[in-house]
Amino acid sequence: MNIPFEHRQSAHCENGVISNLLNHRGVRISEPLAFGIGSGLFFTYLPFIKVNFAPGFSYRPMPGQIFRKLAKRLGIRVKHQRFSSPEKARTALEEKLSQGIPVGLQVGVYHLTYFPDEYRFHFNAHNLVVYGKEAGDYLISDPVMDYTTRLSEQELEQVRFAKGALAPKGHLYYLERLPEHYDLQRAIRKGIRQTCNDMLAPVPIVGVRAMRWVARNIRKWPTTIGVKKTNHYLGQLVRMQEEIGTGGGGFRFIYAAFLQEAATLLDMPILRQRSAEMTAIGDAWRDFALDISRIYKNRNPDADRYDKLAGQLATIAEREKQFFTQLRRDI
């Protein structure tokens, strides 16, 4: 079983799987367009949930939400399945492959043998495509890799049934039905509106308010929990930003590319200006990550280093508040 499938590398796994599965069916949706229509830009702070012994930070919605939102807005039917046993999961996967249907999977990262060791840790919301099986190995299109690869039956089972937070439970999904016509302009507008609403939400754990809360805590943590634990929390923050699913800066750059496309598709030149503004915000996120890494590696001896870091994040939060307030008015 070897389905002719075009592998294209992307910046983020879920966007890449969406774009590649749709392109396989003749629907030309770029990664930025998939990300924007699916309202992929997000920020949440969950201090009451611990991941790797640090608070939960996320720069993306829950796994699968980008695809679900895009599918709903374009009228695409996507079938999702989870399983109680590896045997049932394997049978369902091979049934679809035998029908010539490439299948998206949610998997854990830790046991992905083709990942470099430094990227293999306990994170269960990675996405990839299985497009065939040869000599007992599954053919894998992982959109964050620049080449296709393989996993044995045992290796794939291990990542499909990884334990811990967001356990995938064999989660697979595939395109079940495509509409005859879809309204791309309407879908773009809906995607932008929801992103603006998410980032400006009047709750403390989401959007710019969550960023401000983290900034306040960065100032307090060295005193309340100690420097060692603070640095561990900051390491988690930058890992979620720059390593898991692209995160803070990278997501801003993808969103800027989306706004460039949207400017043409909606005939709204103002969105090109917003794209440039978002790119600059992405640069600020990257500077923030770099400064965290210096603190984490004890390369910043300044006594006020945590206050400065908190100030950076507070400034980014204010810039994003202004940006999304204006974007919501534009759209």
Protein backbone atom coordinates (compact mmCIF):
# COMPACT_ATOMS: atom_id res chain seq x y z
CA MET A 1 0.00 0.00 0.00
CA ASN A 2 1.65 3.18 -1.19
CA ILE A 3 -0.65 6.13 -1.85
CA PRO A 4 0.80 8.79 -4.20
CA PHE A 5 1.10 11.61 -1.67
CA GLU A 6 2.95 14.91 -2.02
CA HIS A 7 5.02 15.61 1.08
CA ARG A 8 5.57 19.31 1.73
CA GLN A 9 7.43 20.65 4.73
CA SER A 10 5.68 23.18 6.96
CA ALA A 11 6.44 25.24 10.04
CA HIS A 12 3.79 23.61 12.23
CA CYS A 13 2.57 20.04 12.27
CA GLU A 14 -1.21 20.54 12.40
CA ASN A 15 -1.20 23.26 9.73
CA GLY A 16 1.03 21.10 7.56
CA VAL A 17 -1.16 18.00 7.89
CA ILE A 18 -4.27 20.06 7.06
CA SER A 19 -2.67 21.67 4.02
CA ASN A 20 -1.15 18.42 2.74
CA LEU A 21 -4.34 16.38 3.15
CA LEU A 22 -6.38 19.06 1.39
CA ASN A 23 -3.86 19.46 -1.41
CA HIS A 24 -3.96 15.71 -1.90
CA ARG A 25 -7.66 16.10 -2.68
CA GLY A 26 -7.08 19.07 -4.98
CA VAL A 27 -7.98 21.85 -2.53
CA ARG A 28 -5.11 24.35 -2.68
CA ILE A 29 -4.91 25.76 0.82
CA SER A 30 -1.50 27.03 1.96
CA GLU A 31 -0.23 26.48 5.49
CA PRO A 32 -0.75 30.15 6.50
CA LEU A 33 -4.27 30.11 5.08
CA ALA A 34 -5.12 26.93 6.99
CA PHE A 35 -3.70 28.46 10.16
CA GLY A 36 -5.61 31.72 9.82
CA ILE A 37 -8.96 30.23 8.82
CA GLY A 38 -8.62 27.74 11.68
CA SER A 39 -7.89 30.54 14.19
CA GLY A 40 -4.60 28.98 15.20
CA LEU A 41 -3.07 32.02 16.92
CA PHE A 42 -3.65 31.75 20.65
CA PHE A 43 -2.14 32.14 24.11
CA THR A 44 -3.19 30.58 27.37
CA TYR A 45 -1.68 30.31 30.83
CA LEU A 46 -2.82 27.43 33.06
CA PRO A 47 -0.93 27.64 36.37
CA PHE A 48 -3.15 24.94 37.89
CA ILE A 49 -2.03 22.37 35.27
CA LYS A 50 1.55 21.10 35.44
CA VAL A 51 3.44 19.91 32.37
CA ASN A 52 7.00 18.67 32.99
CA PHE A 53 6.68 20.05 36.55
CA ALA A 54 5.96 23.58 35.33
CA PRO A 55 2.76 25.56 34.65
CA GLY A 56 0.90 24.98 31.41
CA PHE A 57 1.62 27.54 28.71
CA SER A 58 0.21 27.21 25.22
CA TYR A 59 0.47 29.30 22.09
CA ARG A 60 -2.08 27.18 20.22
CA PRO A 61 -5.65 25.93 20.72
CA MET A 62 -6.27 22.36 21.84
CA PRO A 63 -4.94 19.74 19.41
CA GLY A 64 -7.25 19.27 16.44
CA GLN A 65 -9.13 22.54 16.89
CA ILE A 66 -7.45 24.30 13.97
CA PHE A 67 -8.55 21.53 11.62
CA ARG A 68 -12.06 21.35 13.09
CA LYS A 69 -12.61 25.10 12.73
CA LEU A 70 -11.25 25.20 9.20
CA ALA A 71 -13.40 22.22 8.21
CA LYS A 72 -16.53 23.79 9.64
CA ARG A 73 -15.89 27.13 7.94
CA LEU A 74 -15.25 25.52 4.55
CA GLY A 75 -17.94 22.84 4.81
CA ILE A 76 -15.46 19.94 4.88
CA ARG A 77 -16.40 16.76 6.72
CA VAL A 78 -13.52 15.22 8.68
CA LYS A 79 -13.86 11.85 10.39
CA HIS A 80 -12.15 11.51 13.79
CA GLN A 81 -11.72 8.24 15.67
CA ARG A 82 -10.14 7.16 18.95
CA PHE A 83 -9.69 3.60 20.10
CA SER A 84 -9.72 1.48 23.22
CA SER A 85 -6.99 -0.85 21.99
CA PRO A 86 -3.95 -0.78 19.66
CA GLU A 87 -5.41 -3.67 17.66
CA LYS A 88 -8.57 -1.73 16.78
CA ALA A 89 -6.50 1.35 15.97
CA ARG A 90 -4.22 -0.62 13.65
CA THR A 91 -7.15 -2.26 11.87
CA ALA A 92 -8.88 1.09 11.25
CA LEU A 93 -5.66 2.67 9.95
CA GLU A 94 -4.90 -0.16 7.54
CA GLU A 95 -8.48 -0.22 6.30
CA LYS A 96 -8.22 3.42 5.24
CA LEU A 97 -4.81 2.91 3.65
CA SER A 98 -6.19 -0.03 1.66
CA GLN A 99 -8.90 2.32 0.37
CA GLY A 100 -6.25 4.77 -0.85
CA ILE A 101 -6.99 7.33 1.89
CA PRO A 102 -4.04 9.04 3.61
CA VAL A 103 -4.67 9.33 7.34
CA GLY A 104 -3.71 12.01 9.86
CA LEU A 105 -2.59 10.86 13.30
CA GLN A 106 -2.11 12.56 16.66
CA VAL A 107 0.95 11.08 18.34
CA GLY A 108 3.41 11.50 21.19
CA VAL A 109 6.81 12.98 20.39
CA TYR A 110 8.99 11.17 22.94
CA HIS A 111 9.27 7.89 21.04
CA LEU A 112 9.46 9.28 17.50
CA THR A 113 12.67 7.59 16.44
CA TYR A 114 13.38 9.98 13.55
CA PHE A 115 13.28 13.06 15.79
CA PRO A 116 16.62 14.40 17.11
CA ASP A 117 17.11 13.50 20.79
CA GLU A 118 16.82 17.12 21.96
CA TYR A 119 13.29 17.34 20.54
CA ARG A 120 12.04 14.07 22.01
CA PHE A 121 10.18 14.76 25.24
CA HIS A 122 6.74 14.02 26.61
CA PHE A 123 4.36 15.95 24.37
CA ASN A 124 1.33 14.17 22.93
CA ALA A 125 -0.12 16.65 20.45
CA HIS A 126 2.08 16.13 17.42
CA ASN A 127 0.47 15.46 14.03
CA LEU A 128 1.65 13.49 11.01
CA VAL A 129 0.27 11.64 7.98
CA VAL A 130 0.49 7.92 7.21
CA TYR A 131 0.23 7.41 3.46
CA GLY A 132 1.11 3.75 3.01
CA LYS A 133 2.83 0.60 4.24
CA GLU A 134 5.78 -1.27 2.78
CA ALA A 135 7.68 -4.31 4.09
CA GLY A 136 5.94 -4.04 7.45
CA ASP A 137 6.80 -0.33 7.91
CA TYR A 138 4.35 2.57 7.76
CA LEU A 139 5.23 5.39 5.36
CA ILE A 140 5.23 8.68 7.26
CA SER A 141 4.83 12.24 6.02
CA ASP A 142 5.70 14.38 9.04
CA PRO A 143 5.28 17.97 7.86
CA VAL A 144 7.95 19.39 10.16
CA MET A 145 10.56 17.16 8.46
CA ASP A 146 12.02 17.91 5.04
CA TYR A 147 11.77 14.27 3.96
CA THR A 148 9.40 11.34 4.33
CA THR A 149 10.30 8.55 6.72
CA ARG A 150 9.13 5.22 8.14
CA LEU A 151 8.00 3.73 11.43
CA SER A 152 7.64 0.05 12.27
CA GLU A 153 4.32 -1.29 13.53
CA GLN A 154 5.67 -1.31 17.08
CA GLU A 155 7.10 2.20 16.82
CA LEU A 156 3.87 3.65 15.44
CA GLU A 157 1.78 1.87 18.08
CA GLN A 158 4.00 3.30 20.81
CA VAL A 159 3.52 6.92 19.69
CA ARG A 160 -0.20 6.45 18.97
CA PHE A 161 -0.79 5.21 22.49
CA ALA A 162 1.63 7.45 24.38
CA LYS A 163 0.67 8.04 28.01
CA GLY A 164 0.28 11.30 29.92
CA ALA A 165 -1.44 14.62 29.28
CA LEU A 166 -3.38 14.81 25.99
CA ALA A 167 -2.92 11.06 25.46
CA PRO A 168 -3.86 10.49 21.77
CA LYS A 169 -5.56 7.09 22.30
CA GLY A 170 -4.83 6.14 18.72
CA HIS A 171 -6.52 9.27 17.37
CA LEU A 172 -6.79 9.20 13.58
CA TYR A 173 -8.62 11.48 11.18
CA TYR A 174 -9.17 11.76 7.45
CA LEU A 175 -11.16 13.77 4.90
CA GLU A 176 -14.59 12.21 4.51
CA ARG A 177 -16.35 14.71 2.24
CA LEU A 178 -15.46 17.90 0.39
CA PRO A 179 -18.07 20.51 -0.59
CA GLU A 180 -18.79 21.31 -4.21
CA HIS A 181 -18.27 24.99 -3.43
CA TYR A 182 -16.88 26.86 -0.45
CA ASP A 183 -16.79 30.55 0.45
CA LEU A 184 -13.12 31.28 1.12
CA GLN A 185 -13.65 34.98 1.84
CA ARG A 186 -16.31 34.26 4.46
CA ALA A 187 -14.10 31.61 6.07
CA ILE A 188 -11.15 34.03 6.26
CA ARG A 189 -13.28 36.71 7.93
CA LYS A 190 -14.64 34.23 10.46
CA GLY A 191 -11.16 33.00 11.25
CA ILE A 192 -9.86 36.51 11.84
CA ARG A 193 -12.82 37.50 14.02
CA GLN A 194 -12.40 34.50 16.29
CA THR A 195 -8.66 35.08 16.66
CA CYS A 196 -9.33 38.69 17.65
CA ASN A 197 -11.98 37.59 20.15
CA ASP A 198 -9.69 34.92 21.61
CA MET A 199 -6.74 37.25 22.06
CA LEU A 200 -8.93 39.99 23.57
CA ALA A 201 -11.01 37.64 25.74
CA PRO A 202 -12.09 39.15 29.10
CA VAL A 203 -10.71 36.24 31.14
CA PRO A 204 -7.30 36.05 32.86
CA ILE A 205 -6.08 32.75 31.39
CA VAL A 206 -6.47 33.55 27.67
CA GLY A 207 -4.97 36.05 25.25
CA VAL A 208 -3.27 39.30 26.21
CA ARG A 209 -4.61 39.12 29.77
CA ALA A 210 -2.87 35.79 30.22
CA MET A 211 0.38 37.32 28.94
CA ARG A 212 0.09 40.10 31.51
CA TRP A 213 -0.50 37.55 34.27
CA VAL A 214 2.64 35.65 33.27
CA ALA A 215 4.59 38.93 33.19
CA ARG A 216 3.48 39.76 36.74
CA ASN A 217 4.45 36.28 37.90
CA ILE A 218 7.91 36.49 36.31
CA ARG A 219 8.55 39.46 38.59
CA LYS A 220 7.37 37.53 41.68
CA TRP A 221 8.68 34.02 41.05
CA PRO A 222 12.35 34.58 42.07
CA THR A 223 11.14 35.61 45.53
CA THR A 224 8.17 33.27 45.96
CA ILE A 225 9.52 30.04 44.44
CA GLY A 226 13.26 30.69 44.11
CA VAL A 227 15.58 31.29 41.18
CA LYS A 228 16.11 27.62 40.28
CA LYS A 229 12.38 26.91 39.95
CA THR A 230 11.81 30.23 38.19
CA ASN A 231 14.38 29.32 35.56
CA HIS A 232 12.72 25.93 35.11
CA TYR A 233 9.35 27.67 34.54
CA LEU A 234 10.97 30.05 32.06
CA GLY A 235 12.55 27.12 30.27
CA GLN A 236 9.09 25.60 29.91
CA LEU A 237 7.74 28.92 28.60
CA VAL A 238 10.40 29.22 25.90
CA ARG A 239 10.18 25.52 25.00
CA MET A 240 6.44 25.87 24.40
CA GLN A 241 7.15 29.03 22.42
CA GLU A 242 9.96 27.95 20.15
CA GLU A 243 10.04 24.14 20.05
CA ILE A 244 6.52 22.74 20.40
CA GLY A 245 4.42 23.51 17.35
CA THR A 246 6.46 26.64 16.54
CA GLY A 247 4.74 28.69 19.25
CA GLY A 248 5.05 32.39 19.93
CA GLY A 249 7.33 34.03 17.40
CA GLY A 250 6.88 31.46 14.66
CA PHE A 251 3.11 31.53 14.93
CA ARG A 252 3.18 35.32 14.56
CA PHE A 253 5.18 35.00 11.36
CA ILE A 254 2.74 32.42 9.99
CA TYR A 255 -0.15 34.72 10.89
CA ALA A 256 1.59 37.61 9.13
CA ALA A 257 1.85 35.45 6.00
CA PHE A 258 -1.85 34.62 6.35
CA LEU A 259 -2.74 38.32 6.48
CA GLN A 260 -0.69 38.87 3.31
CA GLU A 261 -2.76 36.25 1.50
CA ALA A 262 -5.98 37.56 3.03
CA ALA A 263 -5.20 41.09 1.81
CA THR A 264 -5.34 39.82 -1.78
CA LEU A 265 -8.23 37.39 -1.36
CA LEU A 266 -10.39 39.98 0.45
CA ASP A 267 -9.09 42.95 -1.58
CA MET A 268 -8.18 44.70 1.68
CA PRO A 269 -4.77 46.44 1.34
CA ILE A 270 -4.87 47.43 5.05
CA LEU A 271 -4.16 43.80 5.91
CA ARG A 272 -0.71 44.14 4.35
CA GLN A 273 0.05 46.81 6.91
CA ARG A 274 -1.28 44.53 9.66
CA SER A 275 0.96 41.78 8.29
CA ALA A 276 4.04 43.99 8.71
CA GLU A 277 2.94 44.89 12.24
CA MET A 278 2.51 41.23 13.17
CA THR A 279 5.94 40.41 11.77
CA ALA A 280 7.44 43.04 14.08
CA ILE A 281 5.56 41.53 17.03
CA GLY A 282 6.96 38.13 16.07
CA ASP A 283 10.47 39.63 16.19
CA ALA A 284 9.73 40.85 19.74
CA TRP A 285 8.67 37.34 20.76
CA ARG A 286 11.92 35.93 19.36
CA ASP A 287 13.93 38.52 21.34
CA PHE A 288 11.98 37.53 24.45
CA ALA A 289 12.85 33.86 23.90
CA LEU A 290 16.52 34.71 23.39
CA ASP A 291 16.65 36.66 26.65
CA ILE A 292 14.99 33.77 28.51
CA SER A 293 17.64 31.42 27.14
CA ARG A 294 20.41 33.70 28.41
CA ILE A 295 18.91 33.66 31.90
CA TYR A 296 18.33 29.91 31.77
CA LYS A 297 21.98 29.33 30.82
CA ASN A 298 23.24 31.80 33.47
CA ARG A 299 24.58 34.17 30.83
CA ASN A 300 22.76 37.23 32.13
CA PRO A 301 24.14 38.41 35.49
CA ASP A 302 21.96 41.55 35.75
CA ALA A 303 20.26 41.89 39.12
CA ASP A 304 17.07 43.15 37.49
CA ARG A 305 17.00 40.52 34.72
CA TYR A 306 13.61 39.12 35.73
CA ASP A 307 12.03 42.58 35.93
CA LYS A 308 13.35 43.37 32.45
CA LEU A 309 12.00 40.09 31.11
CA ALA A 310 8.60 40.78 32.67
CA GLY A 311 8.64 44.22 31.10
CA GLN A 312 9.31 42.72 27.67
CA LEU A 313 6.31 40.41 27.95
CA ALA A 314 4.07 43.19 29.26
CA THR A 315 5.06 45.34 26.28
CA ILE A 316 4.31 42.51 23.85
CA ALA A 317 0.91 42.05 25.49
CA GLU A 318 0.10 45.74 25.03
CA ARG A 319 1.21 45.64 21.39
CA GLU A 320 -0.98 42.61 20.73
CA LYS A 321 -3.94 44.25 22.45
CA GLN A 322 -3.64 47.26 20.16
CA PHE A 323 -3.06 45.07 17.12
CA PHE A 324 -6.07 42.80 17.57
CA THR A 325 -8.32 45.68 18.58
CA GLN A 326 -7.47 47.42 15.29
CA LEU A 327 -7.68 44.21 13.24
CA ARG A 328 -11.15 43.53 14.60
CA ARG A 329 -12.21 47.00 13.47
CA ASP A 330 -10.64 46.46 10.05
CA ILE A 331 -12.42 43.20 9.39
